[in-house]
């Protein structure tokens, strides 16, 4: 009996690299064929080559997103926004879509709150909100990895006016999509009436840095809204017009402000423009305004309204009976804006409108 023909490993990889990114389940099916195929598909190098092979194509569909949802069945005093996976209409198996691994149990009993996400990793902290005793975890649900951050050293300046944190690749490469197994950093920022401060966690050192302060007079406290990474600059929203600017390279803290024309600073989301600069989106009535930050020769030159999207062309009258709430902006090549309407949560892709 003649031996069965066996395809060379490199030929198998070339076939699998041609699977459509719009159907992620096809890679899962390929991994179930045999152990050799499973090792190939789960290899970090294959993931890099797969993304590179489809880099020029449109971004793959968003199958799910992590959303902080309140349990309205409990009393208001005990209700917290807890992270939950929410499948989208692009997911063909919405009733069965779950992460490949569970997040470690939370000893506080109140769940986890998602702070930031970048390149497949998620930064979460325990609930309820508090100060130094809160646990923070970096979770990669695809790679089945999670790292619990050590407690920060006690700061001499309690951050009663709010705090936030952001997760970055250690290389700070805004387009480095294959950084699942590379070192990461967590930037923690806090606000007071007359001062902002920051600490940085380095995964390679498994330790927090010394505190960095910036004496900035501000009446606004930091909000736990997603940050924006534009180049080496991190931007954090506040409850007012102030935006905290943190230089990842020099670790310097400064601030800029939203335009005076913004009516509700809490109903905006920081974005990254197509040119890689800072931007933000604002919902007013049935319109979505897109703004970008112009850079002058020596410093920022100010804001420019780059576009207006008429939402009544996209949503029903009932959905727009009240101004939509801007929930956030998804970077990492997705580039969509999340809106909460009376009909539910929707995404708006500025590039397709």
C-alpha atoms as a PDB file:
ATOM      1  CA  UNK A   1       0.000   0.000   0.000  1.00  0.00           C
ATOM      2  CA  UNK A   2       1.426   3.353  -1.001  1.00  0.00           C
ATOM      3  CA  UNK A   3       2.246   5.846   1.717  1.00  0.00           C
ATOM      4  CA  UNK A   4      -0.228   8.671   2.182  1.00  0.00           C
ATOM      5  CA  UNK A   5       0.919  11.989   0.785  1.00  0.00           C
ATOM      6  CA  UNK A   6       1.891  14.458   3.508  1.00  0.00           C
ATOM      7  CA  UNK A   7       1.979  18.178   2.840  1.00  0.00           C
ATOM      8  CA  UNK A   8       5.163  19.961   3.906  1.00  0.00           C
ATOM      9  CA  UNK A   9       4.784  22.177   6.963  1.00  0.00           C
ATOM     10  CA  UNK A  10       5.658  25.353   5.085  1.00  0.00           C
ATOM     11  CA  UNK A  11       2.991  24.596   2.473  1.00  0.00           C
ATOM     12  CA  UNK A  12       0.379  24.053   5.186  1.00  0.00           C
ATOM     13  CA  UNK A  13       1.269  27.398   6.691  1.00  0.00           C
ATOM     14  CA  UNK A  14       0.924  29.148   3.336  1.00  0.00           C
ATOM     15  CA  UNK A  15      -2.551  27.647   2.983  1.00  0.00           C
ATOM     16  CA  UNK A  16      -3.619  28.688   6.477  1.00  0.00           C
ATOM     17  CA  UNK A  17      -2.262  32.199   5.962  1.00  0.00           C
ATOM     18  CA  UNK A  18      -4.804  32.595   3.170  1.00  0.00           C
ATOM     19  CA  UNK A  19      -7.794  31.938   5.408  1.00  0.00           C
ATOM     20  CA  UNK A  20     -10.027  35.028   5.464  1.00  0.00           C
ATOM     21  CA  UNK A  21      -9.575  37.256   8.518  1.00  0.00           C
ATOM     22  CA  UNK A  22     -13.308  37.964   8.379  1.00  0.00           C
ATOM     23  CA  UNK A  23     -13.912  34.391   9.601  1.00  0.00           C
ATOM     24  CA  UNK A  24     -11.744  33.855  12.718  1.00  0.00           C
ATOM     25  CA  UNK A  25     -13.535  30.568  13.411  1.00  0.00           C
ATOM     26  CA  UNK A  26     -11.715  29.028  10.434  1.00  0.00           C
ATOM     27  CA  UNK A  27      -8.422  29.231  12.353  1.00  0.00           C
ATOM     28  CA  UNK A  28     -10.049  27.540  15.328  1.00  0.00           C
ATOM     29  CA  UNK A  29     -11.261  24.729  13.074  1.00  0.00           C
ATOM     30  CA  UNK A  30      -7.780  24.390  11.578  1.00  0.00           C
ATOM     31  CA  UNK A  31      -6.301  24.065  15.059  1.00  0.00           C
ATOM     32  CA  UNK A  32      -8.601  21.109  15.731  1.00  0.00           C
ATOM     33  CA  UNK A  33      -7.326  19.057  12.776  1.00  0.00           C
ATOM     34  CA  UNK A  34      -4.281  17.661  14.570  1.00  0.00           C
ATOM     35  CA  UNK A  35      -1.618  18.569  17.120  1.00  0.00           C
ATOM     36  CA  UNK A  36       0.788  19.760  14.427  1.00  0.00           C
ATOM     37  CA  UNK A  37      -1.756  22.210  13.036  1.00  0.00           C
ATOM     38  CA  UNK A  38      -2.662  23.349  16.539  1.00  0.00           C
ATOM     39  CA  UNK A  39       0.972  24.130  17.332  1.00  0.00           C
ATOM     40  CA  UNK A  40       1.281  25.999  14.043  1.00  0.00           C
ATOM     41  CA  UNK A  41      -1.837  28.141  14.492  1.00  0.00           C
ATOM     42  CA  UNK A  42      -1.148  28.918  18.165  1.00  0.00           C
ATOM     43  CA  UNK A  43       2.475  29.907  17.532  1.00  0.00           C
ATOM     44  CA  UNK A  44       3.096  33.619  18.109  1.00  0.00           C
ATOM     45  CA  UNK A  45       5.090  33.838  14.886  1.00  0.00           C
ATOM     46  CA  UNK A  46       2.137  32.563  12.863  1.00  0.00           C
ATOM     47  CA  UNK A  47      -0.077  35.236  14.377  1.00  0.00           C
ATOM     48  CA  UNK A  48       2.385  37.909  13.310  1.00  0.00           C
ATOM     49  CA  UNK A  49       2.618  36.549   9.772  1.00  0.00           C
ATOM     50  CA  UNK A  50      -1.172  36.207   9.529  1.00  0.00           C
ATOM     51  CA  UNK A  51      -1.701  39.836  10.500  1.00  0.00           C
ATOM     52  CA  UNK A  52       1.034  40.977   8.144  1.00  0.00           C
ATOM     53  CA  UNK A  53      -0.476  38.997   5.259  1.00  0.00           C
ATOM     54  CA  UNK A  54      -3.810  40.775   5.709  1.00  0.00           C
ATOM     55  CA  UNK A  55      -2.514  44.164   6.839  1.00  0.00           C
ATOM     56  CA  UNK A  56      -3.572  45.920   3.632  1.00  0.00           C
ATOM     57  CA  UNK A  57      -7.107  44.558   3.843  1.00  0.00           C
ATOM     58  CA  UNK A  58      -9.909  46.049   5.878  1.00  0.00           C
ATOM     59  CA  UNK A  59      -9.801  45.398   9.601  1.00  0.00           C
ATOM     60  CA  UNK A  60     -11.397  42.095  10.650  1.00  0.00           C
ATOM     61  CA  UNK A  61     -14.884  42.347  12.120  1.00  0.00           C
ATOM     62  CA  UNK A  62     -15.249  43.097  15.806  1.00  0.00           C
ATOM     63  CA  UNK A  63     -16.713  39.936  17.305  1.00  0.00           C
ATOM     64  CA  UNK A  64     -16.975  41.178  20.850  1.00  0.00           C
ATOM     65  CA  UNK A  65     -15.963  43.993  23.134  1.00  0.00           C
ATOM     66  CA  UNK A  66     -15.400  44.328  26.854  1.00  0.00           C
ATOM     67  CA  UNK A  67     -17.939  46.686  28.393  1.00  0.00           C
ATOM     68  CA  UNK A  68     -18.403  47.879  31.969  1.00  0.00           C
ATOM     69  CA  UNK A  69     -22.068  47.188  32.707  1.00  0.00           C
ATOM     70  CA  UNK A  70     -24.054  48.033  35.834  1.00  0.00           C
ATOM     71  CA  UNK A  71     -26.180  45.400  37.521  1.00  0.00           C
ATOM     72  CA  UNK A  72     -29.454  47.287  37.875  1.00  0.00           C
ATOM     73  CA  UNK A  73     -31.014  44.496  39.922  1.00  0.00           C
ATOM     74  CA  UNK A  74     -29.168  45.666  43.032  1.00  0.00           C
ATOM     75  CA  UNK A  75     -29.471  48.846  45.062  1.00  0.00           C
ATOM     76  CA  UNK A  76     -27.810  51.933  43.626  1.00  0.00           C
ATOM     77  CA  UNK A  77     -25.382  52.121  46.537  1.00  0.00           C
ATOM     78  CA  UNK A  78     -24.084  48.665  45.695  1.00  0.00           C
ATOM     79  CA  UNK A  79     -24.162  48.891  41.893  1.00  0.00           C
ATOM     80  CA  UNK A  80     -20.828  48.959  40.092  1.00  0.00           C
ATOM     81  CA  UNK A  81     -19.894  48.943  36.434  1.00  0.00           C
ATOM     82  CA  UNK A  82     -18.497  45.423  36.037  1.00  0.00           C
ATOM     83  CA  UNK A  83     -16.620  44.214  32.946  1.00  0.00           C
ATOM     84  CA  UNK A  84     -18.605  41.878  30.689  1.00  0.00           C
ATOM     85  CA  UNK A  85     -17.953  40.484  27.203  1.00  0.00           C
ATOM     86  CA  UNK A  86     -20.634  41.720  24.805  1.00  0.00           C
ATOM     87  CA  UNK A  87     -20.838  39.953  21.402  1.00  0.00           C
ATOM     88  CA  UNK A  88     -21.591  42.074  18.354  1.00  0.00           C
ATOM     89  CA  UNK A  89     -23.842  41.396  15.387  1.00  0.00           C
ATOM     90  CA  UNK A  90     -20.698  40.394  13.419  1.00  0.00           C
ATOM     91  CA  UNK A  91     -20.203  37.341  15.629  1.00  0.00           C
ATOM     92  CA  UNK A  92     -21.786  34.266  13.963  1.00  0.00           C
ATOM     93  CA  UNK A  93     -22.020  32.405  17.285  1.00  0.00           C
ATOM     94  CA  UNK A  94     -23.119  35.170  19.638  1.00  0.00           C
ATOM     95  CA  UNK A  95     -24.770  32.784  22.068  1.00  0.00           C
ATOM     96  CA  UNK A  96     -21.514  30.844  22.571  1.00  0.00           C
ATOM     97  CA  UNK A  97     -18.833  33.508  22.235  1.00  0.00           C
ATOM     98  CA  UNK A  98     -16.745  33.577  25.419  1.00  0.00           C
ATOM     99  CA  UNK A  99     -13.051  34.211  26.173  1.00  0.00           C
ATOM    100  CA  UNK A 100     -10.767  31.190  25.854  1.00  0.00           C
ATOM    101  CA  UNK A 101      -9.839  31.431  29.530  1.00  0.00           C
ATOM    102  CA  UNK A 102     -11.512  32.844  32.637  1.00  0.00           C
ATOM    103  CA  UNK A 103     -10.147  35.794  34.548  1.00  0.00           C
ATOM    104  CA  UNK A 104      -8.937  34.918  38.023  1.00  0.00           C
ATOM    105  CA  UNK A 105     -11.554  35.161  40.759  1.00  0.00           C
ATOM    106  CA  UNK A 106     -11.855  38.512  42.468  1.00  0.00           C
ATOM    107  CA  UNK A 107     -11.544  38.304  46.232  1.00  0.00           C
ATOM    108  CA  UNK A 108     -13.507  41.520  46.733  1.00  0.00           C
ATOM    109  CA  UNK A 109     -16.657  39.788  45.529  1.00  0.00           C
ATOM    110  CA  UNK A 110     -17.708  42.754  43.404  1.00  0.00           C
ATOM    111  CA  UNK A 111     -16.056  41.840  40.125  1.00  0.00           C
ATOM    112  CA  UNK A 112     -13.621  43.568  37.801  1.00  0.00           C
ATOM    113  CA  UNK A 113     -13.719  46.921  36.040  1.00  0.00           C
ATOM    114  CA  UNK A 114     -11.964  47.318  32.680  1.00  0.00           C
ATOM    115  CA  UNK A 115      -9.720  50.389  32.529  1.00  0.00           C
ATOM    116  CA  UNK A 116      -7.896  50.042  29.217  1.00  0.00           C
ATOM    117  CA  UNK A 117      -7.181  47.621  26.375  1.00  0.00           C
ATOM    118  CA  UNK A 118      -4.471  47.611  23.754  1.00  0.00           C
ATOM    119  CA  UNK A 119      -3.231  44.967  21.282  1.00  0.00           C
ATOM    120  CA  UNK A 120      -5.259  42.139  22.802  1.00  0.00           C
ATOM    121  CA  UNK A 121      -4.376  42.782  26.444  1.00  0.00           C
ATOM    122  CA  UNK A 122      -6.774  44.255  28.996  1.00  0.00           C
ATOM    123  CA  UNK A 123      -6.086  46.238  32.168  1.00  0.00           C
ATOM    124  CA  UNK A 124      -8.629  45.683  34.936  1.00  0.00           C
ATOM    125  CA  UNK A 125      -8.962  46.549  38.609  1.00  0.00           C
ATOM    126  CA  UNK A 126     -11.137  45.217  41.402  1.00  0.00           C
ATOM    127  CA  UNK A 127     -14.330  46.815  42.605  1.00  0.00           C
ATOM    128  CA  UNK A 128     -15.499  48.742  44.512  1.00  0.00           C
ATOM    129  CA  UNK A 129     -13.463  51.825  43.680  1.00  0.00           C
ATOM    130  CA  UNK A 130     -10.842  52.706  46.218  1.00  0.00           C
ATOM    131  CA  UNK A 131      -7.226  53.615  46.634  1.00  0.00           C
ATOM    132  CA  UNK A 132      -4.088  51.567  47.136  1.00  0.00           C
ATOM    133  CA  UNK A 133      -5.745  48.347  48.237  1.00  0.00           C
ATOM    134  CA  UNK A 134      -7.315  47.732  44.813  1.00  0.00           C
ATOM    135  CA  UNK A 135      -5.848  44.922  42.750  1.00  0.00           C
ATOM    136  CA  UNK A 136      -4.874  45.532  39.128  1.00  0.00           C
ATOM    137  CA  UNK A 137      -4.459  42.777  36.547  1.00  0.00           C
ATOM    138  CA  UNK A 138      -3.227  42.696  32.950  1.00  0.00           C
ATOM    139  CA  UNK A 139      -5.132  39.956  31.125  1.00  0.00           C
ATOM    140  CA  UNK A 140      -4.581  38.409  27.701  1.00  0.00           C
ATOM    141  CA  UNK A 141      -7.689  36.232  27.125  1.00  0.00           C
ATOM    142  CA  UNK A 142      -6.378  34.793  23.851  1.00  0.00           C
ATOM    143  CA  UNK A 143      -2.932  33.765  25.098  1.00  0.00           C
ATOM    144  CA  UNK A 144      -4.394  32.567  28.430  1.00  0.00           C
ATOM    145  CA  UNK A 145      -2.066  34.822  30.420  1.00  0.00           C
ATOM    146  CA  UNK A 146      -2.669  37.192  33.296  1.00  0.00           C
ATOM    147  CA  UNK A 147      -0.297  39.221  35.444  1.00  0.00           C
ATOM    148  CA  UNK A 148      -1.333  40.728  38.763  1.00  0.00           C
ATOM    149  CA  UNK A 149       0.445  43.991  39.474  1.00  0.00           C
ATOM    150  CA  UNK A 150       2.007  44.571  42.898  1.00  0.00           C
ATOM    151  CA  UNK A 151       0.526  47.207  45.150  1.00  0.00           C
ATOM    152  CA  UNK A 152       1.851  50.692  44.627  1.00  0.00           C
ATOM    153  CA  UNK A 153       3.996  52.236  47.345  1.00  0.00           C
ATOM    154  CA  UNK A 154       1.991  54.564  49.534  1.00  0.00           C
ATOM    155  CA  UNK A 155       1.937  57.982  47.906  1.00  0.00           C
ATOM    156  CA  UNK A 156       2.265  61.128  50.005  1.00  0.00           C
ATOM    157  CA  UNK A 157      -0.478  62.697  47.908  1.00  0.00           C
ATOM    158  CA  UNK A 158      -3.835  60.874  48.156  1.00  0.00           C
ATOM    159  CA  UNK A 159      -5.709  61.151  44.878  1.00  0.00           C
ATOM    160  CA  UNK A 160      -9.150  62.136  46.126  1.00  0.00           C
ATOM    161  CA  UNK A 161      -9.856  63.951  42.876  1.00  0.00           C
ATOM    162  CA  UNK A 162      -9.773  60.906  40.650  1.00  0.00           C
ATOM    163  CA  UNK A 163      -7.347  58.591  38.906  1.00  0.00           C
ATOM    164  CA  UNK A 164      -6.970  56.519  35.753  1.00  0.00           C
ATOM    165  CA  UNK A 165      -4.507  54.096  34.178  1.00  0.00           C
ATOM    166  CA  UNK A 166      -3.397  53.014  30.703  1.00  0.00           C
ATOM    167  CA  UNK A 167      -1.785  49.865  29.313  1.00  0.00           C
ATOM    168  CA  UNK A 168       0.992  50.093  26.706  1.00  0.00           C
ATOM    169  CA  UNK A 169       3.535  47.895  25.001  1.00  0.00           C
ATOM    170  CA  UNK A 170       6.974  48.609  26.450  1.00  0.00           C
ATOM    171  CA  UNK A 171       8.208  49.672  23.011  1.00  0.00           C
ATOM    172  CA  UNK A 172       5.358  52.220  22.841  1.00  0.00           C
ATOM    173  CA  UNK A 173       4.809  51.248  19.233  1.00  0.00           C
ATOM    174  CA  UNK A 174       1.371  52.469  18.268  1.00  0.00           C
ATOM    175  CA  UNK A 175       1.150  50.042  15.340  1.00  0.00           C
ATOM    176  CA  UNK A 176       2.881  47.067  16.944  1.00  0.00           C
ATOM    177  CA  UNK A 177      -0.018  44.616  16.822  1.00  0.00           C
ATOM    178  CA  UNK A 178       2.098  41.547  17.556  1.00  0.00           C
ATOM    179  CA  UNK A 179       3.192  42.433  21.067  1.00  0.00           C
ATOM    180  CA  UNK A 180       1.278  39.788  23.016  1.00  0.00           C
ATOM    181  CA  UNK A 181       4.405  38.249  24.520  1.00  0.00           C
ATOM    182  CA  UNK A 182       6.491  41.412  24.786  1.00  0.00           C
ATOM    183  CA  UNK A 183       6.998  43.476  27.966  1.00  0.00           C
ATOM    184  CA  UNK A 184       4.325  46.007  28.856  1.00  0.00           C
ATOM    185  CA  UNK A 185       3.970  49.098  31.009  1.00  0.00           C
ATOM    186  CA  UNK A 186       1.052  50.509  32.979  1.00  0.00           C
ATOM    187  CA  UNK A 187       0.839  54.277  33.442  1.00  0.00           C
ATOM    188  CA  UNK A 188      -1.121  55.299  36.552  1.00  0.00           C
ATOM    189  CA  UNK A 189      -2.153  58.962  36.903  1.00  0.00           C
ATOM    190  CA  UNK A 190      -3.894  60.758  39.748  1.00  0.00           C
ATOM    191  CA  UNK A 191      -5.297  64.252  40.191  1.00  0.00           C
ATOM    192  CA  UNK A 192      -5.624  66.776  43.005  1.00  0.00           C
ATOM    193  CA  UNK A 193      -6.802  70.403  42.974  1.00  0.00           C
ATOM    194  CA  UNK A 194      -3.271  71.757  42.475  1.00  0.00           C
ATOM    195  CA  UNK A 195      -1.282  68.773  41.265  1.00  0.00           C
ATOM    196  CA  UNK A 196      -1.179  65.750  38.980  1.00  0.00           C
ATOM    197  CA  UNK A 197       1.077  62.770  39.557  1.00  0.00           C
ATOM    198  CA  UNK A 198       2.002  59.517  37.839  1.00  0.00           C
ATOM    199  CA  UNK A 199       3.667  56.178  38.440  1.00  0.00           C
ATOM    200  CA  UNK A 200       4.746  53.636  35.824  1.00  0.00           C
ATOM    201  CA  UNK A 201       4.723  49.859  36.247  1.00  0.00           C
ATOM    202  CA  UNK A 202       7.383  48.030  34.215  1.00  0.00           C
ATOM    203  CA  UNK A 203       6.675  44.348  33.599  1.00  0.00           C
ATOM    204  CA  UNK A 204      10.360  43.611  32.993  1.00  0.00           C
ATOM    205  CA  UNK A 205      11.247  44.927  36.445  1.00  0.00           C
ATOM    206  CA  UNK A 206       7.954  43.798  38.032  1.00  0.00           C
ATOM    207  CA  UNK A 207       7.942  47.055  40.007  1.00  0.00           C
ATOM    208  CA  UNK A 208       6.499  50.556  40.091  1.00  0.00           C
ATOM    209  CA  UNK A 209       8.628  53.600  39.331  1.00  0.00           C
ATOM    210  CA  UNK A 210       9.123  56.581  41.590  1.00  0.00           C
ATOM    211  CA  UNK A 211       6.366  59.155  41.593  1.00  0.00           C
ATOM    212  CA  UNK A 212       6.377  61.938  38.988  1.00  0.00           C
ATOM    213  CA  UNK A 213       4.506  65.145  39.788  1.00  0.00           C
ATOM    214  CA  UNK A 214       3.253  68.100  37.828  1.00  0.00           C
ATOM    215  CA  UNK A 215       2.018  71.216  39.604  1.00  0.00           C
ATOM    216  CA  UNK A 216      -1.045  71.952  37.525  1.00  0.00           C
ATOM    217  CA  UNK A 217      -3.913  73.953  38.962  1.00  0.00           C
ATOM    218  CA  UNK A 218      -7.142  72.287  37.887  1.00  0.00           C
ATOM    219  CA  UNK A 219     -10.735  72.158  39.076  1.00  0.00           C
ATOM    220  CA  UNK A 220     -11.420  68.975  37.087  1.00  0.00           C
ATOM    221  CA  UNK A 221     -10.893  65.434  38.332  1.00  0.00           C
ATOM    222  CA  UNK A 222      -9.722  62.585  36.129  1.00  0.00           C
ATOM    223  CA  UNK A 223     -12.369  60.283  34.686  1.00  0.00           C
ATOM    224  CA  UNK A 224     -12.027  56.551  34.085  1.00  0.00           C
ATOM    225  CA  UNK A 225     -12.572  56.914  30.364  1.00  0.00           C
ATOM    226  CA  UNK A 226     -10.292  55.172  27.834  1.00  0.00           C
ATOM    227  CA  UNK A 227      -7.046  57.023  27.236  1.00  0.00           C
ATOM    228  CA  UNK A 228      -5.656  57.909  23.808  1.00  0.00           C
ATOM    229  CA  UNK A 229      -2.117  57.097  22.651  1.00  0.00           C
ATOM    230  CA  UNK A 230      -0.800  59.407  19.929  1.00  0.00           C
ATOM    231  CA  UNK A 231       2.868  58.791  19.246  1.00  0.00           C
ATOM    232  CA  UNK A 232       4.633  58.772  22.612  1.00  0.00           C
ATOM    233  CA  UNK A 233       1.942  60.891  24.242  1.00  0.00           C
ATOM    234  CA  UNK A 234      -0.827  59.562  26.467  1.00  0.00           C
ATOM    235  CA  UNK A 235      -3.959  61.631  26.980  1.00  0.00           C
ATOM    236  CA  UNK A 236      -6.495  61.256  29.803  1.00  0.00           C
ATOM    237  CA  UNK A 237      -9.938  62.861  30.083  1.00  0.00           C
ATOM    238  CA  UNK A 238     -11.202  64.867  33.029  1.00  0.00           C
ATOM    239  CA  UNK A 239     -14.683  65.835  34.165  1.00  0.00           C
ATOM    240  CA  UNK A 240     -14.205  69.261  32.559  1.00  0.00           C
ATOM    241  CA  UNK A 241     -12.339  70.705  29.620  1.00  0.00           C
ATOM    242  CA  UNK A 242      -8.858  69.718  30.812  1.00  0.00           C
ATOM    243  CA  UNK A 243      -6.956  66.836  29.169  1.00  0.00           C
ATOM    244  CA  UNK A 244      -3.952  65.415  31.023  1.00  0.00           C
ATOM    245  CA  UNK A 245      -0.968  64.880  28.721  1.00  0.00           C
ATOM    246  CA  UNK A 246       1.712  62.378  29.738  1.00  0.00           C
ATOM    247  CA  UNK A 247       4.955  61.933  27.795  1.00  0.00           C
ATOM    248  CA  UNK A 248       5.830  58.231  27.984  1.00  0.00           C
ATOM    249  CA  UNK A 249       9.454  58.905  27.011  1.00  0.00           C
ATOM    250  CA  UNK A 250      10.305  61.809  29.326  1.00  0.00           C
ATOM    251  CA  UNK A 251       7.602  61.044  31.936  1.00  0.00           C
ATOM    252  CA  UNK A 252       6.601  64.693  32.027  1.00  0.00           C
ATOM    253  CA  UNK A 253       3.054  65.794  32.849  1.00  0.00           C
ATOM    254  CA  UNK A 254       1.277  68.722  31.212  1.00  0.00           C
ATOM    255  CA  UNK A 255      -2.244  69.648  30.190  1.00  0.00           C
ATOM    256  CA  UNK A 256      -4.264  70.941  27.266  1.00  0.00           C
ATOM    257  CA  UNK A 257      -7.925  71.900  27.001  1.00  0.00           C
ATOM    258  CA  UNK A 258     -10.902  71.099  24.819  1.00  0.00           C
ATOM    259  CA  UNK A 259     -12.283  73.923  22.658  1.00  0.00           C
ATOM    260  CA  UNK A 260     -14.537  76.404  24.427  1.00  0.00           C
ATOM    261  CA  UNK A 261     -17.350  75.419  22.063  1.00  0.00           C
ATOM    262  CA  UNK A 262     -17.731  71.961  23.643  1.00  0.00           C
ATOM    263  CA  UNK A 263     -21.030  72.010  25.567  1.00  0.00           C
ATOM    264  CA  UNK A 264     -20.648  68.781  27.546  1.00  0.00           C
ATOM    265  CA  UNK A 265     -17.003  67.756  28.161  1.00  0.00           C
ATOM    266  CA  UNK A 266     -18.161  64.509  29.771  1.00  0.00           C
ATOM    267  CA  UNK A 267     -19.885  63.391  26.547  1.00  0.00           C
ATOM    268  CA  UNK A 268     -16.757  63.274  24.398  1.00  0.00           C
ATOM    269  CA  UNK A 269     -14.240  60.531  23.681  1.00  0.00           C
ATOM    270  CA  UNK A 270     -10.572  60.990  22.905  1.00  0.00           C
ATOM    271  CA  UNK A 271      -9.538  59.536  19.540  1.00  0.00           C
ATOM    272  CA  UNK A 272      -6.492  59.161  17.323  1.00  0.00           C
ATOM    273  CA  UNK A 273      -6.788  60.845  13.939  1.00  0.00           C
ATOM    274  CA  UNK A 274      -5.827  59.182  10.659  1.00  0.00           C
ATOM    275  CA  UNK A 275      -2.566  61.149  10.748  1.00  0.00           C
ATOM    276  CA  UNK A 276      -1.701  59.710  14.154  1.00  0.00           C
ATOM    277  CA  UNK A 277      -2.447  62.857  16.164  1.00  0.00           C
ATOM    278  CA  UNK A 278      -4.845  63.480  19.009  1.00  0.00           C
ATOM    279  CA  UNK A 279      -8.517  63.981  18.284  1.00  0.00           C
ATOM    280  CA  UNK A 280     -11.878  63.728  19.978  1.00  0.00           C
ATOM    281  CA  UNK A 281     -15.488  63.125  19.046  1.00  0.00           C
ATOM    282  CA  UNK A 282     -18.505  64.923  20.485  1.00  0.00           C
ATOM    283  CA  UNK A 283     -22.218  64.106  20.187  1.00  0.00           C
ATOM    284  CA  UNK A 284     -24.666  67.011  20.024  1.00  0.00           C
ATOM    285  CA  UNK A 285     -28.275  66.210  19.209  1.00  0.00           C
ATOM    286  CA  UNK A 286     -28.286  64.016  16.100  1.00  0.00           C
ATOM    287  CA  UNK A 287     -24.781  64.987  15.005  1.00  0.00           C
ATOM    288  CA  UNK A 288     -21.364  63.543  15.739  1.00  0.00           C
ATOM    289  CA  UNK A 289     -18.527  66.073  15.544  1.00  0.00           C
ATOM    290  CA  UNK A 290     -14.957  64.942  14.881  1.00  0.00           C
ATOM    291  CA  UNK A 291     -12.073  67.181  15.970  1.00  0.00           C
ATOM    292  CA  UNK A 292      -8.303  66.934  15.467  1.00  0.00           C
ATOM    293  CA  UNK A 293      -5.384  68.649  17.179  1.00  0.00           C
ATOM    294  CA  UNK A 294      -3.136  70.607  14.837  1.00  0.00           C
ATOM    295  CA  UNK A 295       0.585  70.774  15.554  1.00  0.00           C
ATOM    296  CA  UNK A 296       2.483  73.997  14.960  1.00  0.00           C
ATOM    297  CA  UNK A 297       6.253  74.351  14.444  1.00  0.00           C
ATOM    298  CA  UNK A 298       6.977  74.695  18.174  1.00  0.00           C
ATOM    299  CA  UNK A 299       3.784  73.712  19.956  1.00  0.00           C
ATOM    300  CA  UNK A 300       0.181  72.697  19.443  1.00  0.00           C
ATOM    301  CA  UNK A 301      -1.663  75.198  17.282  1.00  0.00           C
ATOM    302  CA  UNK A 302      -5.177  74.313  18.441  1.00  0.00           C
ATOM    303  CA  UNK A 303      -8.221  72.286  17.496  1.00  0.00           C
ATOM    304  CA  UNK A 304      -9.883  71.941  14.099  1.00  0.00           C
ATOM    305  CA  UNK A 305     -13.318  70.481  13.438  1.00  0.00           C
ATOM    306  CA  UNK A 306     -12.536  67.947  10.745  1.00  0.00           C
ATOM    307  CA  UNK A 307     -15.910  66.370  10.099  1.00  0.00           C
ATOM    308  CA  UNK A 308     -19.599  66.178  10.998  1.00  0.00           C
ATOM    309  CA  UNK A 309     -21.552  62.906  10.781  1.00  0.00           C
ATOM    310  CA  UNK A 310     -25.340  63.129  10.500  1.00  0.00           C
ATOM    311  CA  UNK A 311     -26.557  60.358  12.802  1.00  0.00           C
ATOM    312  CA  UNK A 312     -30.160  60.567  11.584  1.00  0.00           C
ATOM    313  CA  UNK A 313     -28.945  58.887   8.394  1.00  0.00           C
ATOM    314  CA  UNK A 314     -27.728  55.927  10.432  1.00  0.00           C
ATOM    315  CA  UNK A 315     -30.242  55.551  13.261  1.00  0.00           C
ATOM    316  CA  UNK A 316     -33.986  55.699  13.742  1.00  0.00           C
ATOM    317  CA  UNK A 317     -35.801  58.728  15.135  1.00  0.00           C
ATOM    318  CA  UNK A 318     -36.558  56.779  18.321  1.00  0.00           C
ATOM    319  CA  UNK A 319     -32.873  56.012  18.866  1.00  0.00           C
ATOM    320  CA  UNK A 320     -32.024  59.715  18.618  1.00  0.00           C
ATOM    321  CA  UNK A 321     -34.860  61.062  20.768  1.00  0.00           C
ATOM    322  CA  UNK A 322     -32.099  62.050  23.201  1.00  0.00           C
ATOM    323  CA  UNK A 323     -28.476  62.900  22.463  1.00  0.00           C
ATOM    324  CA  UNK A 324     -26.426  59.672  22.218  1.00  0.00           C
ATOM    325  CA  UNK A 325     -23.794  59.057  24.858  1.00  0.00           C
ATOM    326  CA  UNK A 326     -20.247  58.746  23.510  1.00  0.00           C
ATOM    327  CA  UNK A 327     -18.793  55.660  25.209  1.00  0.00           C
ATOM    328  CA  UNK A 328     -15.344  55.488  23.660  1.00  0.00           C
ATOM    329  CA  UNK A 329     -13.133  54.930  20.656  1.00  0.00           C
ATOM    330  CA  UNK A 330     -11.560  51.639  19.554  1.00  0.00           C
ATOM    331  CA  UNK A 331      -8.048  52.024  18.178  1.00  0.00           C
ATOM    332  CA  UNK A 332      -5.695  49.161  17.136  1.00  0.00           C
ATOM    333  CA  UNK A 333      -6.716  49.447  13.494  1.00  0.00           C
ATOM    334  CA  UNK A 334     -10.456  49.225  14.205  1.00  0.00           C
ATOM    335  CA  UNK A 335     -11.132  52.953  14.414  1.00  0.00           C
ATOM    336  CA  UNK A 336     -14.804  52.876  15.408  1.00  0.00           C
ATOM    337  CA  UNK A 337     -16.725  55.063  17.841  1.00  0.00           C
ATOM    338  CA  UNK A 338     -19.068  53.518  20.423  1.00  0.00           C
ATOM    339  CA  UNK A 339     -22.406  55.250  20.989  1.00  0.00           C
ATOM    340  CA  UNK A 340     -25.136  54.489  23.520  1.00  0.00           C
ATOM    341  CA  UNK A 341     -28.578  55.251  22.082  1.00  0.00           C
ATOM    342  CA  UNK A 342     -32.110  54.518  23.222  1.00  0.00           C
ATOM    343  CA  UNK A 343     -31.982  51.393  21.030  1.00  0.00           C
ATOM    344  CA  UNK A 344     -28.719  50.048  22.470  1.00  0.00           C
ATOM    345  CA  UNK A 345     -24.978  50.305  21.870  1.00  0.00           C
ATOM    346  CA  UNK A 346     -23.791  50.876  18.296  1.00  0.00           C
ATOM    347  CA  UNK A 347     -20.490  51.490  16.538  1.00  0.00           C
ATOM    348  CA  UNK A 348     -19.898  54.209  13.965  1.00  0.00           C
ATOM    349  CA  UNK A 349     -17.015  53.857  11.527  1.00  0.00           C
ATOM    350  CA  UNK A 350     -16.024  57.350  10.344  1.00  0.00           C
ATOM    351  CA  UNK A 351     -14.142  55.876   7.381  1.00  0.00           C
ATOM    352  CA  UNK A 352     -17.216  54.149   5.945  1.00  0.00           C
ATOM    353  CA  UNK A 353     -19.767  56.947   6.282  1.00  0.00           C
END
